[in-house]
């Protein structure tokens, strides 16, 4: 039986062996939700980078550049970190360079895995179906917030563990904890996470619409996958 585990924050990735496994990177509010939305609306590639300077250099090369720090658009860049910004038809077939506080950092730290895919509630079914079809063990890498654990990423991790628990072994307490969080929250996720730190942060910035959107399940049948230094839309989810 395959194994599934959950890394609650990238700061703990040194405790996890990624080689030979699929890493599912998740940053529900909002990086991986933006990425999923972008591919669903026809973006060709997303280049995730950890630092603002890297993203600025790609912008000077002519790429559309998206940058967020502390839940706000970074000055001088083209796009912010709201999924609604990635629905514009002008982005179709474009390549976007992206850096965010947590999500793109988690991706760049997960590259030792055999495969890195992007997960969100928006494409949860695509993620689950892919993991079910592949032979690899899985580590869900939660982006968290500046090295700390956050509730919404663990909630998504728990949703994936719940969907696969009859086919994957759940051996460690991090995965079990995520599953318990999801079981407690699944009937009203918005209410469950209302008091969480990042929800309060986003509400303070007037982004309640983003919160509600990012918790919608199975809106898009897409699977972003890392191919070299860029994310692309997987043409055949479930295949190596």
Foldseek 3Di string as FASTA:
>chain_A
DFAEAEDQALVCCVVDDQEQAEEAEEDLLPALVLVQLLVLQAAFWEFQDADPVVQVVVVVVPAQEEEEDLQFTDPPHDHYGFSVRNNDNVNHHGYYYYYYQFRSVQVVSNVNHPWYWYDFQQALVLVLLLVVLDPHHYYYHYRDGNGDGWLRSLLSLLVSCVVCVVPHPYDDVSNVVSVVSNVVQVVPVCVSCCPIDVNVSCVVVVNVVRVVVRNHHHNGNWMWIDDPRITGTDPDRSDD
